[in-house]
Protein backbone atom coordinates (compact mmCIF):
# COMPACT_ATOMS: atom_id res chain seq x y z
CA ALA A 1 123.57 89.82 50.17
CA SER A 2 125.48 90.95 47.09
CA GLU A 3 123.84 94.36 47.16
CA LEU A 4 124.82 94.80 50.82
CA SER A 5 128.36 93.45 50.31
CA LEU A 6 127.59 90.50 52.57
CA LYS A 7 128.82 86.94 52.18
CA CYS A 8 125.90 84.56 51.65
CA ILE A 9 126.17 81.02 52.99
CA PRO A 10 123.34 78.94 51.45
CA GLY A 11 121.91 76.67 54.13
CA ILE A 12 118.98 74.67 55.35
CA GLU A 13 117.58 73.20 58.54
CA LEU A 14 116.62 69.69 57.49
CA SER A 15 114.12 67.64 59.50
CA VAL A 16 115.02 63.96 59.87
CA THR A 17 113.53 61.04 61.80
CA GLU A 18 115.63 58.58 63.79
CA GLU A 19 113.96 55.70 65.66
CA GLY A 20 110.65 57.55 65.38
CA LYS A 21 112.08 60.73 66.90
CA LEU A 22 112.50 64.10 65.20
CA LEU A 23 115.97 65.63 64.86
CA HIS A 24 117.35 68.57 62.88
CA LEU A 25 120.42 68.79 60.67
CA LEU A 26 121.95 72.01 59.39
CA GLY A 27 123.36 72.02 55.87
CA PHE A 28 125.88 74.76 54.98
CA GLN A 29 127.23 75.82 51.58
CA ILE A 30 124.73 73.64 49.76
CA ASP A 31 124.11 73.96 46.04
CA VAL A 32 120.53 75.24 46.03
CA THR A 33 120.11 74.09 42.41
CA ASN A 34 121.10 70.46 43.04
CA THR A 35 118.26 68.44 41.49
CA HIS A 36 118.74 65.36 43.70
CA PHE A 37 118.56 67.49 46.84
CA LEU A 38 115.55 69.48 45.61
CA GLU A 39 113.67 66.27 44.75
CA ALA A 40 114.29 64.90 48.25
CA LEU A 41 112.92 68.14 49.74
CA ARG A 42 109.87 67.91 47.48
CA VAL A 43 109.16 64.39 48.75
CA GLN A 44 109.59 65.57 52.35
CA THR A 45 107.17 68.44 51.78
CA GLU A 46 104.55 66.41 49.91
CA THR A 47 104.64 63.57 52.45
CA ARG A 48 104.12 65.99 55.31
CA LYS A 49 101.32 67.78 53.47
CA GLN A 50 99.46 64.52 52.83
CA PHE A 51 99.82 63.54 56.49
CA PHE A 52 98.30 66.77 57.81
CA VAL A 53 95.54 66.97 55.18
CA GLU A 54 94.45 63.43 56.04
CA TYR A 55 94.33 64.38 59.72
CA ILE A 56 91.59 67.00 59.18
CA PRO A 57 88.63 64.52 59.40
CA LEU A 58 89.95 63.24 62.74
CA LEU A 59 90.34 66.78 64.03
CA ASN A 60 86.83 67.61 62.82
CA GLU A 61 85.50 64.80 65.02
CA LYS A 62 87.12 66.49 68.01
CA LEU A 63 85.65 69.84 67.00
CA LEU A 64 82.13 68.42 66.62
CA ALA A 65 82.39 66.78 70.04
CA LYS A 66 83.07 70.22 71.50
CA ASN A 67 80.24 71.83 69.49
CA LEU A 68 82.70 73.80 67.39
CA ALA A 69 82.64 74.46 63.64
CA ILE A 70 84.58 72.05 61.44
CA LEU A 71 87.45 72.71 59.06
CA ASP A 72 87.28 72.73 55.27
CA GLN A 73 89.72 70.00 54.19
CA ASN A 74 89.81 71.15 50.57
CA LEU A 75 90.60 74.74 51.57
CA TYR A 76 93.37 73.54 53.87
CA GLN A 77 94.89 71.44 51.09
CA GLN A 78 95.28 74.57 48.96
CA LYS A 79 97.38 76.38 51.58
CA ASP A 80 101.13 76.89 51.25
CA GLU A 81 103.59 74.52 52.90
CA THR A 82 103.91 76.61 56.08
CA TYR A 83 100.46 75.37 57.12
CA PHE A 84 101.37 71.68 57.13
CA CYS A 85 102.74 71.43 60.65
CA GLY A 86 101.28 71.72 64.15
CA PRO A 87 101.54 75.52 64.43
CA GLY A 88 100.36 75.92 60.83
CA LEU A 89 97.30 73.80 61.51
CA VAL A 90 96.47 75.90 64.57
CA ARG A 91 96.88 79.04 62.45
CA PHE A 92 94.43 77.65 59.90
CA MET A 93 91.92 76.87 62.66
CA LYS A 94 92.14 80.42 63.92
CA GLU A 95 91.88 81.95 60.43
CA SER A 96 88.82 79.78 59.80
CA GLY A 97 87.15 81.17 62.92
CA VAL A 98 86.98 77.71 64.49
CA ILE A 99 88.96 78.75 67.58
CA SER A 100 89.43 82.04 69.37
CA ASP A 101 93.00 81.71 70.59
CA THR A 102 96.18 79.80 69.85
CA GLU A 103 96.29 78.01 73.20
CA GLN A 104 92.89 76.47 72.50
CA GLY A 105 94.16 75.28 69.12
CA PHE A 106 97.23 73.57 70.51
CA SER A 107 95.04 71.89 73.12
CA LEU A 108 92.88 70.45 70.35
CA VAL A 109 95.79 69.09 68.31
CA SER A 110 97.65 67.70 71.32
CA GLY A 111 97.89 63.94 71.12
CA MET A 112 97.67 63.89 67.34
CA PRO A 113 99.78 61.20 65.62
CA LYS A 114 103.37 62.29 65.12
CA PHE A 115 104.60 62.82 61.61
CA SER A 116 107.81 60.94 60.74
CA PHE A 117 109.91 62.51 58.01
CA PRO A 118 111.00 59.86 55.47
CA CYS A 119 114.62 61.01 55.79
CA SER A 120 116.95 59.45 58.41
CA VAL A 121 120.04 61.13 59.90
CA LYS A 122 122.35 59.14 57.61
CA THR A 123 120.25 59.89 54.53
CA GLY A 124 120.07 63.57 55.49
CA ILE A 125 123.85 63.75 55.81
CA GLU A 126 124.24 62.06 52.42
CA LEU A 127 121.79 64.49 50.81
CA ILE A 128 123.63 67.51 52.18
CA HIS A 129 126.96 66.10 50.99
CA LYS A 130 125.58 65.35 47.53
CA ALA A 131 124.56 69.01 47.36
CA GLY A 132 128.17 69.93 48.15
CA GLY A 133 127.43 71.01 51.72
CA LEU A 134 128.58 70.41 55.28
CA ALA A 135 126.23 68.56 57.65
CA VAL A 136 125.99 69.84 61.23
CA PHE A 137 123.90 68.42 64.06
CA SER A 138 121.52 71.17 65.16
CA HIS A 139 120.88 71.91 68.90
CA PRO A 140 121.96 68.40 70.02
CA LEU A 141 121.01 68.91 73.69
CA ALA A 142 118.13 71.37 73.54
CA PRO A 143 114.98 70.63 75.60
CA ARG A 144 113.05 69.69 72.46
CA ILE A 145 114.06 67.99 69.18
CA SER A 146 117.36 66.69 70.48
CA LEU A 147 119.19 63.65 71.83
CA LYS A 148 117.33 64.10 75.10
CA ASN A 149 114.35 62.45 73.42
CA PHE A 150 116.37 59.23 73.25
CA SER A 151 117.78 59.11 76.76
CA GLU A 152 118.93 61.16 79.75
CA ASP A 153 122.19 59.21 79.79
CA ARG A 154 125.14 61.30 78.62
CA ALA A 155 126.97 58.20 77.42
CA VAL A 156 124.06 57.50 75.07
CA TRP A 157 124.24 61.07 73.72
CA ARG A 158 127.94 60.77 73.00
CA ASN A 159 127.55 57.36 71.37
CA LEU A 160 124.82 58.66 69.09
CA ILE A 161 126.97 61.60 68.00
CA ALA A 162 129.84 59.16 67.39
CA THR A 163 127.51 57.05 65.23
CA TYR A 164 126.47 60.09 63.21
CA LYS A 165 130.16 60.97 62.80
CA LYS A 166 130.67 57.53 61.22
CA ASP A 167 127.70 58.33 58.97
CA GLY A 168 129.57 61.41 57.74
CA LEU A 169 128.50 64.16 60.16
CA ASP A 170 130.81 67.18 59.84
CA GLY A 171 130.04 69.10 63.01
CA VAL A 172 127.82 69.95 65.97
CA GLU A 173 126.21 73.20 66.98
CA LEU A 174 127.38 74.90 70.17
CA SER A 175 125.96 77.86 72.09
CA HIS A 176 122.34 77.31 71.19
CA THR A 177 119.93 79.10 73.53
CA GLY A 178 118.50 75.69 74.43
CA HIS A 179 121.86 74.54 75.82
CA SER A 180 123.14 75.21 79.31
CA ASP A 181 126.75 76.32 79.77
CA GLU A 182 127.54 72.83 81.05
CA GLU A 183 126.01 71.25 77.95
CA ASN A 184 127.95 73.59 75.67
CA SER A 185 131.16 72.51 77.42
CA LEU A 186 130.19 68.86 77.07
CA LEU A 187 129.55 69.22 73.35
CA ALA A 188 132.84 71.09 72.91
CA GLU A 189 134.65 68.22 74.62
CA TRP A 190 132.97 65.59 72.45
CA ALA A 191 133.62 67.61 69.29
CA LYS A 192 137.35 67.57 70.06
CA GLU A 193 137.36 63.86 70.89
CA LEU A 194 135.44 62.93 67.75
CA ASP A 195 137.22 65.42 65.46
CA LEU A 196 134.01 67.26 64.60
CA GLY A 197 133.71 70.88 63.57
CA VAL A 198 131.57 73.27 65.60
CA THR A 199 129.19 76.08 64.69
CA PHE A 200 128.02 78.85 66.99
CA GLY A 201 124.43 80.00 67.23
CA SER A 202 123.91 78.78 63.69
CA ASP A 203 120.30 77.80 64.42
CA TRP A 204 119.73 81.00 66.38
CA HIS A 205 116.21 81.64 67.64
CA GLY A 206 117.09 84.31 70.19
CA THR A 207 115.54 84.41 73.65
CA VAL A 208 112.24 85.78 74.85
CA GLU A 209 113.96 87.79 77.58
CA GLN A 210 116.74 89.23 75.45
CA THR A 211 115.11 90.00 72.11
CA GLY A 212 117.39 92.07 69.94
CA GLU A 213 120.54 91.43 71.96
CA SER A 214 123.74 90.65 70.09
CA ILE A 215 124.24 86.96 69.40
CA LYS A 216 127.83 87.31 70.62
CA ASN A 217 126.54 87.78 74.17
CA TYR A 218 125.47 84.13 74.08
CA LEU A 219 128.55 82.63 72.49
CA PRO A 220 130.93 81.74 75.34
CA TYR A 221 133.27 80.02 72.87
CA TYR A 222 133.27 82.82 70.30
CA THR A 223 136.81 84.00 71.13
CA SER A 224 138.09 80.66 72.37
CA GLU A 225 140.45 78.21 70.73
CA PHE A 226 137.62 77.27 68.35
CA ASN A 227 137.75 80.70 66.75
């Protein structure tokens, strides 16, 4: 960033578990050398790794039942941290020659026990704050990994965001590709009511149909009063 005369905002997308459900927090302007924060991330990573490594024998039972080759648990354990998640496990299966395509792999791991990160929303917010950062609720109303996993009731969504505000939440993300225009408007309304900051496309994944398009095309509030 320095070489390109760009401003760098250190950040992270932090996975947290609330009532057994996965949510994401965004941390901005964090101190990437904060030892307390780094230790918490190490525990998150190691706990997830252990969970997925210990799942290999169960997956091998599935593979044997389908007359497929089994996976080498020791080899999997030596992989980098990107392998210790659902997609990473499928990638390992494909690299090992156990499956021929990704769809087959996801079919095999469907129904596997869900991993629960040891960090709650409140703890995640505290960790981000201790690292000097701002905690923002990522894609609150997206189809996956959002408040929709708790309820379809909008009042429940608002109450949960209000609870996280009491826990120290600094803001919510607007204009995510997983949000409809109506949902963006709803979040903007709640952000005002609850005195929360807003971020725009800050967990941007783009869209399949519009790859390469400017992010500003998807930010209806970019030039609004929030600017």
